[in-house]
């Protein structure tokens, strides 16, 4: 008896018939875990006509959805564009005002930090000056008689602060 020959298709054949890329068909096959009916030379995969019909209908529906979406989008008029731009300007003005307020707060914080740093520096200088007071030196007049005084003792230090 005669066997009816069925037609098997490679991924390249399906892509050409469905008018999509080979990569798209390969992704569809992998994503839907479609099994080939047989493997050919060089590990080429052959699918039956039901897979061809499934892939072709999938991409036709997808194409129709894209056309509907593009046909639903009406072209923008000048008034629509102007309204959209005005809304965007208002949003940008609001954002600008918020950023200005944040900048003012940051500038105030910086000014406070500088004032505190100056105060800390003044306090540090004041405490440092109180701790280390130089002892004043008082020069005594030279004595004519060198026998009573050594040459090294021409200058005497007097402590003016007895509580030290």
N, C-alpha and C. Protein backbone atom coordinates (compact mmCIF):
# COMPACT_ATOMS: atom_id res chain seq x y z
N UNK A 1 0.83 -1.16 0.00
CA UNK A 1 0.00 0.00 0.00
C UNK A 1 0.88 1.23 0.00
N UNK A 2 0.37 2.32 -0.46
CA UNK A 2 1.14 3.55 -0.57
C UNK A 2 1.08 4.36 0.72
N UNK A 3 2.23 4.75 1.15
CA UNK A 3 2.29 5.60 2.33
C UNK A 3 2.19 7.04 1.88
N UNK A 4 1.45 7.80 2.64
CA UNK A 4 1.38 9.22 2.32
C UNK A 4 2.60 9.89 2.91
N UNK A 5 3.26 10.63 2.09
CA UNK A 5 4.46 11.31 2.57
C UNK A 5 4.05 12.59 3.27
N UNK A 6 4.54 12.74 4.46
CA UNK A 6 4.28 13.99 5.16
C UNK A 6 5.50 14.89 4.98
N UNK A 7 5.23 16.16 5.01
CA UNK A 7 6.29 17.12 4.79
C UNK A 7 6.81 17.58 6.14
N UNK A 8 8.11 17.52 6.34
CA UNK A 8 8.76 18.02 7.55
C UNK A 8 9.53 19.29 7.19
N UNK A 9 9.65 20.16 8.20
CA UNK A 9 10.25 21.47 7.96
C UNK A 9 11.38 21.72 8.95
N UNK A 10 12.46 22.30 8.48
CA UNK A 10 13.54 22.73 9.37
C UNK A 10 13.17 24.11 9.94
N UNK A 11 13.93 24.55 10.91
CA UNK A 11 13.70 25.87 11.50
C UNK A 11 13.84 26.95 10.44
N UNK A 12 14.79 26.78 9.53
CA UNK A 12 14.98 27.75 8.45
C UNK A 12 13.76 27.79 7.54
N UNK A 13 13.20 26.62 7.23
CA UNK A 13 12.01 26.57 6.39
C UNK A 13 10.83 27.27 7.06
N UNK A 14 10.65 26.97 8.35
CA UNK A 14 9.53 27.58 9.10
C UNK A 14 9.69 29.10 9.15
N UNK A 15 10.91 29.57 9.36
CA UNK A 15 11.17 31.00 9.42
C UNK A 15 10.86 31.66 8.08
N UNK A 16 11.28 31.04 6.99
CA UNK A 16 11.04 31.61 5.66
C UNK A 16 9.54 31.64 5.36
N UNK A 17 8.83 30.57 5.66
CA UNK A 17 7.39 30.50 5.37
C UNK A 17 6.60 31.48 6.25
N UNK A 18 7.03 31.60 7.53
CA UNK A 18 6.32 32.48 8.48
C UNK A 18 6.74 33.93 8.36
N UNK A 19 7.76 34.20 7.56
CA UNK A 19 8.28 35.55 7.35
C UNK A 19 8.81 36.18 8.65
N UNK A 20 9.56 35.38 9.39
CA UNK A 20 10.24 35.85 10.61
C UNK A 20 11.68 35.34 10.54
N UNK A 21 12.48 35.75 11.50
CA UNK A 21 13.89 35.35 11.49
C UNK A 21 14.05 33.94 12.05
N UNK A 22 15.19 33.34 11.72
CA UNK A 22 15.51 32.00 12.23
C UNK A 22 15.67 32.06 13.76
N UNK A 23 16.24 33.14 14.25
CA UNK A 23 16.43 33.29 15.70
C UNK A 23 15.08 33.33 16.41
N UNK A 24 14.10 34.00 15.83
CA UNK A 24 12.77 34.07 16.45
C UNK A 24 12.14 32.69 16.53
N UNK A 25 12.24 31.93 15.46
CA UNK A 25 11.67 30.58 15.45
C UNK A 25 12.41 29.70 16.46
N UNK A 26 13.73 29.82 16.52
CA UNK A 26 14.51 29.03 17.47
C UNK A 26 14.11 29.35 18.90
N UNK A 27 13.92 30.61 19.19
CA UNK A 27 13.48 31.01 20.55
C UNK A 27 12.10 30.45 20.85
N UNK A 28 11.21 30.52 19.90
CA UNK A 28 9.86 30.01 20.10
C UNK A 28 9.90 28.50 20.36
N UNK A 29 10.71 27.78 19.60
CA UNK A 29 10.82 26.32 19.77
C UNK A 29 11.39 26.00 21.14
N UNK A 30 12.41 26.71 21.53
CA UNK A 30 13.04 26.46 22.83
C UNK A 30 12.11 26.84 23.98
N UNK A 31 11.45 28.01 23.88
CA UNK A 31 10.57 28.49 24.94
C UNK A 31 9.38 27.55 25.14
N UNK A 32 8.83 27.01 24.06
CA UNK A 32 7.66 26.12 24.14
C UNK A 32 8.05 24.65 24.19
N UNK A 33 9.36 24.39 24.24
CA UNK A 33 9.89 23.03 24.34
C UNK A 33 9.28 22.09 23.29
N UNK A 34 9.29 22.56 22.05
CA UNK A 34 8.76 21.75 20.95
C UNK A 34 9.81 20.72 20.56
N UNK A 35 9.37 19.49 20.38
CA UNK A 35 10.28 18.40 20.04
C UNK A 35 10.21 18.14 18.53
N UNK A 36 11.36 17.95 17.89
CA UNK A 36 11.35 17.65 16.45
C UNK A 36 10.87 16.21 16.21
N UNK A 37 10.32 15.98 15.03
CA UNK A 37 9.87 14.62 14.70
C UNK A 37 11.04 13.74 14.29
N UNK A 38 12.11 14.37 13.79
CA UNK A 38 13.31 13.60 13.45
C UNK A 38 14.50 14.55 13.37
N UNK A 39 15.67 13.95 13.43
CA UNK A 39 16.92 14.70 13.28
C UNK A 39 17.54 14.32 11.94
N UNK A 40 18.03 15.30 11.24
CA UNK A 40 18.64 15.06 9.94
C UNK A 40 20.14 15.11 10.03
N UNK A 41 20.76 15.28 8.87
CA UNK A 41 22.21 15.39 8.82
C UNK A 41 22.63 16.66 9.56
N UNK A 42 23.82 16.62 10.13
CA UNK A 42 24.38 17.76 10.87
C UNK A 42 23.47 18.22 12.00
N UNK A 43 22.75 17.26 12.58
CA UNK A 43 21.89 17.51 13.73
C UNK A 43 20.79 18.53 13.43
N UNK A 44 20.36 18.64 12.19
CA UNK A 44 19.27 19.55 11.87
C UNK A 44 17.96 18.94 12.35
N UNK A 45 17.09 19.79 12.86
CA UNK A 45 15.83 19.34 13.45
C UNK A 45 14.70 19.54 12.45
N UNK A 46 13.88 18.53 12.33
CA UNK A 46 12.73 18.59 11.42
C UNK A 46 11.44 18.54 12.23
N UNK A 47 10.55 19.48 11.90
CA UNK A 47 9.26 19.57 12.60
C UNK A 47 8.15 19.29 11.61
N UNK A 48 7.01 18.79 12.11
CA UNK A 48 5.90 18.48 11.21
C UNK A 48 5.07 19.73 10.94
N UNK A 49 4.06 19.59 10.13
CA UNK A 49 3.26 20.74 9.69
C UNK A 49 2.44 21.36 10.83
N UNK A 50 2.16 20.61 11.88
CA UNK A 50 1.41 21.20 13.01
C UNK A 50 2.24 22.27 13.71
N UNK A 51 3.54 22.03 13.83
CA UNK A 51 4.43 23.03 14.43
C UNK A 51 4.51 24.25 13.51
N UNK A 52 4.60 24.02 12.22
CA UNK A 52 4.60 25.13 11.27
C UNK A 52 3.34 25.98 11.43
N UNK A 53 2.18 25.33 11.49
CA UNK A 53 0.91 26.07 11.64
C UNK A 53 0.87 26.84 12.96
N UNK A 54 1.36 26.22 14.03
CA UNK A 54 1.36 26.87 15.34
C UNK A 54 2.23 28.13 15.32
N UNK A 55 3.43 28.00 14.79
CA UNK A 55 4.35 29.15 14.76
C UNK A 55 3.83 30.22 13.83
N UNK A 56 3.31 29.84 12.68
CA UNK A 56 2.79 30.82 11.74
C UNK A 56 1.62 31.59 12.36
N UNK A 57 0.69 30.90 13.03
CA UNK A 57 -0.46 31.59 13.64
C UNK A 57 -0.01 32.48 14.79
N UNK A 58 0.99 32.04 15.56
CA UNK A 58 1.50 32.86 16.67
C UNK A 58 2.03 34.19 16.14
N UNK A 59 2.87 34.15 15.12
CA UNK A 59 3.46 35.38 14.61
C UNK A 59 2.45 36.24 13.84
N UNK A 60 1.43 35.64 13.27
CA UNK A 60 0.37 36.43 12.63
C UNK A 60 -0.43 37.19 13.69
N UNK A 61 -0.77 36.50 14.80
CA UNK A 61 -1.49 37.18 15.89
C UNK A 61 -0.64 38.31 16.47
N UNK A 62 0.62 38.04 16.63
CA UNK A 62 1.52 39.05 17.17
C UNK A 62 1.59 40.27 16.25
N UNK A 63 1.66 40.03 14.96
CA UNK A 63 1.71 41.12 13.98
C UNK A 63 0.41 41.92 14.01
N UNK A 64 -0.73 41.23 14.11
CA UNK A 64 -2.03 41.91 14.16
C UNK A 64 -2.14 42.77 15.41
N UNK A 65 -1.65 42.28 16.54
CA UNK A 65 -1.70 43.07 17.79
C UNK A 65 -0.87 44.35 17.65
N UNK A 66 0.28 44.23 17.02
CA UNK A 66 1.12 45.40 16.84
C UNK A 66 0.46 46.42 15.92
N UNK A 67 -0.22 45.93 14.89
CA UNK A 67 -0.91 46.84 13.98
C UNK A 67 -2.08 47.54 14.67
N UNK A 68 -2.80 46.80 15.52
CA UNK A 68 -3.91 47.41 16.27
C UNK A 68 -3.39 48.47 17.22
N UNK A 69 -2.31 48.16 17.88
CA UNK A 69 -1.75 49.12 18.82
C UNK A 69 -1.31 50.39 18.11
N UNK A 70 -0.74 50.23 16.94
CA UNK A 70 -0.28 51.42 16.21
C UNK A 70 -1.46 52.18 15.60
N UNK A 71 -2.53 51.49 15.25
CA UNK A 71 -3.68 52.19 14.68
C UNK A 71 -4.50 52.90 15.76
N UNK A 72 -4.44 52.41 17.00
CA UNK A 72 -5.16 53.07 18.10
C UNK A 72 -4.49 54.37 18.50
N UNK A 73 -3.23 54.48 18.26
CA UNK A 73 -2.49 55.69 18.60
C UNK A 73 -2.78 56.76 17.56
N UNK A 74 -3.48 57.79 18.01
CA UNK A 74 -3.82 58.87 17.08
C UNK A 74 -2.65 59.84 17.00
N UNK A 75 -2.47 60.45 15.88
CA UNK A 75 -1.37 61.41 15.77
C UNK A 75 -1.62 62.61 16.68
N UNK A 76 -0.56 63.10 17.25
CA UNK A 76 -0.66 64.22 18.18
C UNK A 76 -0.89 65.52 17.43
N UNK A 77 -1.77 66.33 17.97
CA UNK A 77 -2.00 67.65 17.40
C UNK A 77 -1.08 68.65 18.08
N UNK A 78 -1.03 69.85 17.54
CA UNK A 78 -0.20 70.89 18.15
C UNK A 78 -0.65 71.18 19.57
N UNK A 79 -1.97 71.21 19.79
CA UNK A 79 -2.48 71.50 21.13
C UNK A 79 -2.08 70.41 22.12
N UNK A 80 -2.12 69.14 21.66
CA UNK A 80 -1.71 68.04 22.54
C UNK A 80 -0.23 68.17 22.91
N UNK A 81 0.58 68.50 21.93
CA UNK A 81 2.01 68.66 22.18
C UNK A 81 2.26 69.82 23.13
N UNK A 82 1.55 70.93 22.93
CA UNK A 82 1.71 72.10 23.80
C UNK A 82 1.28 71.77 25.22
N UNK A 83 0.16 71.07 25.37
CA UNK A 83 -0.30 70.69 26.71
C UNK A 83 0.69 69.77 27.40
N UNK A 84 1.23 68.83 26.65
CA UNK A 84 2.22 67.91 27.21
C UNK A 84 3.48 68.65 27.64
N UNK A 85 3.93 69.59 26.81
CA UNK A 85 5.12 70.37 27.15
C UNK A 85 4.87 71.27 28.36
N UNK A 86 3.68 71.86 28.45
CA UNK A 86 3.35 72.69 29.62
C UNK A 86 3.35 71.86 30.90
N UNK A 87 2.79 70.67 30.82
CA UNK A 87 2.79 69.78 31.99
C UNK A 87 4.22 69.42 32.39
N UNK A 88 5.04 69.17 31.40
CA UNK A 88 6.44 68.83 31.68
C UNK A 88 7.18 70.03 32.30
N UNK A 89 6.89 71.23 31.80
CA UNK A 89 7.50 72.44 32.35
C UNK A 89 7.09 72.61 33.81
N UNK A 90 5.78 72.39 34.11
CA UNK A 90 5.32 72.50 35.49
C UNK A 90 6.03 71.49 36.39
N UNK A 91 6.19 70.27 35.90
CA UNK A 91 6.90 69.25 36.68
C UNK A 91 8.34 69.67 36.93
N UNK A 92 8.99 70.20 35.91
CA UNK A 92 10.38 70.63 36.05
C UNK A 92 10.50 71.82 37.00
N UNK A 93 9.52 72.73 36.96
CA UNK A 93 9.55 73.87 37.88
C UNK A 93 9.39 73.39 39.32
N UNK A 94 8.51 72.44 39.53
CA UNK A 94 8.32 71.89 40.88
C UNK A 94 9.60 71.22 41.36
N UNK A 95 10.21 70.44 40.49
CA UNK A 95 11.47 69.78 40.83
C UNK A 95 12.54 70.81 41.12
N UNK A 96 12.60 71.86 40.31
CA UNK A 96 13.58 72.93 40.49
C UNK A 96 13.39 73.60 41.85
N UNK A 97 12.16 73.88 42.21
CA UNK A 97 11.88 74.53 43.49
C UNK A 97 12.30 73.63 44.66
N UNK A 98 12.01 72.35 44.54
CA UNK A 98 12.43 71.41 45.59
C UNK A 98 13.95 71.37 45.73
N UNK A 99 14.63 71.36 44.60
CA UNK A 99 16.09 71.34 44.64
C UNK A 99 16.66 72.63 45.22
N UNK A 100 16.03 73.75 44.92
CA UNK A 100 16.48 75.03 45.49
C UNK A 100 16.33 75.02 47.01
N UNK A 101 15.20 74.49 47.48
CA UNK A 101 14.98 74.41 48.93
C UNK A 101 16.02 73.50 49.59
N UNK A 102 16.30 72.37 48.96
CA UNK A 102 17.32 71.47 49.49
C UNK A 102 18.68 72.15 49.51
N UNK A 103 18.99 72.90 48.47
CA UNK A 103 20.25 73.61 48.41
C UNK A 103 20.35 74.66 49.51
N UNK A 104 19.25 75.36 49.78
CA UNK A 104 19.24 76.36 50.85
C UNK A 104 19.50 75.70 52.20
N UNK A 105 18.87 74.56 52.43
CA UNK A 105 19.09 73.84 53.69
C UNK A 105 20.55 73.41 53.80
N UNK A 106 21.11 72.90 52.72
CA UNK A 106 22.51 72.47 52.73
C UNK A 106 23.45 73.65 52.96
N UNK A 107 23.16 74.79 52.34
CA UNK A 107 23.99 75.99 52.56
C UNK A 107 23.92 76.44 54.01
N UNK A 108 22.73 76.38 54.62
CA UNK A 108 22.59 76.73 56.03
C UNK A 108 23.39 75.76 56.90
N UNK A 109 23.35 74.48 56.57
CA UNK A 109 24.11 73.49 57.33
C UNK A 109 25.61 73.74 57.20
N UNK A 110 26.05 74.10 56.02
CA UNK A 110 27.47 74.40 55.81
C UNK A 110 27.87 75.63 56.60
N UNK A 111 27.03 76.67 56.59
CA UNK A 111 27.34 77.88 57.35
C UNK A 111 27.42 77.57 58.84
N UNK A 112 26.50 76.75 59.35
CA UNK A 112 26.55 76.36 60.77
C UNK A 112 27.82 75.58 61.07
N UNK A 113 28.21 74.69 60.18
CA UNK A 113 29.42 73.90 60.39
C UNK A 113 30.66 74.79 60.40
N UNK A 114 30.69 75.77 59.52
CA UNK A 114 31.83 76.70 59.48
C UNK A 114 31.89 77.52 60.76
N UNK A 115 30.72 78.01 61.21
CA UNK A 115 30.66 78.78 62.45
C UNK A 115 31.13 77.95 63.64
N UNK A 116 30.70 76.70 63.71
CA UNK A 116 31.13 75.82 64.79
C UNK A 116 32.62 75.52 64.72
N UNK A 117 33.15 75.35 63.51
CA UNK A 117 34.59 75.11 63.35
C UNK A 117 35.39 76.33 63.80
N UNK A 118 34.91 77.52 63.47
CA UNK A 118 35.59 78.75 63.92
C UNK A 118 35.56 78.85 65.44
N UNK A 119 34.42 78.56 66.04
CA UNK A 119 34.31 78.61 67.50
C UNK A 119 35.25 77.60 68.15
N UNK A 120 35.32 76.40 67.57
CA UNK A 120 36.20 75.37 68.12
C UNK A 120 37.66 75.80 68.00
N UNK A 121 38.00 76.44 66.89
CA UNK A 121 39.37 76.90 66.72
C UNK A 121 39.69 78.01 67.71
N UNK A 122 38.78 78.94 67.92
CA UNK A 122 38.99 80.01 68.89
C UNK A 122 39.14 79.43 70.30
N UNK A 123 38.30 78.47 70.64
CA UNK A 123 38.36 77.84 71.95
C UNK A 123 39.68 77.11 72.12
N UNK A 124 40.13 76.42 71.11
CA UNK A 124 41.39 75.71 71.16
C UNK A 124 42.55 76.68 71.34
N UNK A 125 42.52 77.79 70.62
CA UNK A 125 43.59 78.79 70.75
C UNK A 125 43.58 79.41 72.14
N UNK A 126 42.40 79.66 72.66
CA UNK A 126 42.29 80.26 73.99
C UNK A 126 42.84 79.32 75.05
N UNK A 127 42.45 78.05 75.00
CA UNK A 127 42.94 77.10 75.99
C UNK A 127 44.43 76.85 75.81
N UNK A 128 44.91 76.87 74.61
CA UNK A 128 46.34 76.67 74.36
C UNK A 128 47.14 77.84 74.91
N UNK A 129 46.65 79.06 74.74
CA UNK A 129 47.33 80.25 75.25
C UNK A 129 47.32 80.27 76.77
N UNK A 130 46.31 79.75 77.40
CA UNK A 130 46.25 79.73 78.86
C UNK A 130 47.22 78.72 79.43
N UNK A 131 47.47 77.65 78.77
CA UNK A 131 48.35 76.61 79.27
C UNK A 131 49.82 76.99 79.13
N UNK A 132 50.20 77.58 78.05
CA UNK A 132 51.60 77.89 77.79
C UNK A 132 51.78 79.40 77.77
N UNK A 133 52.16 79.94 78.92
CA UNK A 133 52.46 81.37 78.97
C UNK A 133 53.97 81.52 79.02
N UNK A 134 54.51 82.28 78.15
CA UNK A 134 55.96 82.46 78.17
C UNK A 134 56.37 83.26 79.42
N UNK A 135 57.50 82.86 79.97
CA UNK A 135 57.99 83.58 81.15
C UNK A 135 58.72 84.83 80.67
N UNK A 136 58.31 85.97 81.17
CA UNK A 136 58.97 87.20 80.72
C UNK A 136 60.40 87.28 81.24
N UNK A 137 61.27 87.78 80.41
CA UNK A 137 62.68 87.95 80.78
C UNK A 137 62.93 89.43 81.07
N UNK A 138 63.61 89.63 82.16
CA UNK A 138 63.96 91.00 82.53
C UNK A 138 65.48 91.11 82.49
N UNK A 139 65.95 92.09 81.76
CA UNK A 139 67.40 92.29 81.66
C UNK A 139 67.83 93.22 82.78
N UNK A 140 68.90 92.83 83.39
CA UNK A 140 69.46 93.69 84.43
C UNK A 140 70.61 94.46 83.83
N UNK A 141 70.84 95.63 84.33
CA UNK A 141 71.96 96.40 83.79
C UNK A 141 73.29 95.70 84.08
N UNK A 142 74.20 95.95 83.18
CA UNK A 142 75.51 95.32 83.33
C UNK A 142 76.21 95.89 84.55
N UNK A 143 76.84 94.98 85.19
CA UNK A 143 77.58 95.36 86.40
C UNK A 143 79.03 95.63 86.00
N UNK A 144 79.57 96.72 86.53
CA UNK A 144 80.93 97.08 86.14
C UNK A 144 81.96 96.15 86.77
N UNK A 145 81.65 95.69 87.91
CA UNK A 145 82.58 94.80 88.60
C UNK A 145 82.27 93.37 88.18
N UNK A 146 83.16 92.79 87.40
CA UNK A 146 82.92 91.46 86.90
C UNK A 146 83.27 90.40 87.91
N UNK A 147 83.94 90.77 88.91
CA UNK A 147 84.32 89.78 89.92
C UNK A 147 83.11 89.30 90.70
N UNK A 148 82.15 90.17 90.87
CA UNK A 148 80.97 89.77 91.62
C UNK A 148 80.01 88.92 90.79
N UNK A 149 80.00 89.16 89.51
CA UNK A 149 79.07 88.43 88.64
C UNK A 149 79.82 87.74 87.52
N UNK A 150 79.34 86.61 87.18
CA UNK A 150 79.92 85.90 86.04
C UNK A 150 79.42 86.53 84.75
N UNK A 151 80.18 86.30 83.71
CA UNK A 151 79.75 86.82 82.40
C UNK A 151 78.44 86.16 81.94
N UNK A 152 78.19 84.95 82.37
CA UNK A 152 77.00 84.23 81.92
C UNK A 152 75.73 84.74 82.58
N UNK A 153 75.83 85.41 83.67
CA UNK A 153 74.64 85.84 84.40
C UNK A 153 74.28 87.27 84.11
N UNK A 154 74.47 87.72 82.93
CA UNK A 154 74.12 89.08 82.57
C UNK A 154 72.60 89.25 82.54
N UNK A 155 71.92 88.20 82.20
CA UNK A 155 70.47 88.28 82.11
C UNK A 155 69.89 87.37 83.18
N UNK A 156 69.02 87.91 83.96
CA UNK A 156 68.37 87.10 84.99
C UNK A 156 66.89 86.99 84.65
N UNK A 157 66.37 85.85 85.03
CA UNK A 157 64.95 85.65 84.80
C UNK A 157 64.24 85.86 86.12
N UNK A 158 63.24 86.67 86.04
CA UNK A 158 62.41 86.89 87.22
C UNK A 158 61.04 86.29 86.94
N UNK A 159 60.57 85.57 87.89
CA UNK A 159 59.23 85.02 87.74
C UNK A 159 58.23 86.03 88.24
N UNK A 160 57.38 86.44 87.35
CA UNK A 160 56.37 87.42 87.71
C UNK A 160 55.11 86.77 88.27
N UNK A 161 55.02 85.50 88.06
CA UNK A 161 53.83 84.79 88.50
C UNK A 161 54.23 83.85 89.63
N UNK A 162 54.07 84.28 90.85
CA UNK A 162 54.55 83.47 91.97
C UNK A 162 53.73 82.19 92.18
N UNK A 163 52.53 82.12 91.67
CA UNK A 163 51.68 80.94 91.90
C UNK A 163 52.03 79.79 90.95
N UNK A 164 53.00 79.93 90.13
CA UNK A 164 53.38 78.86 89.21
C UNK A 164 54.30 77.91 89.89
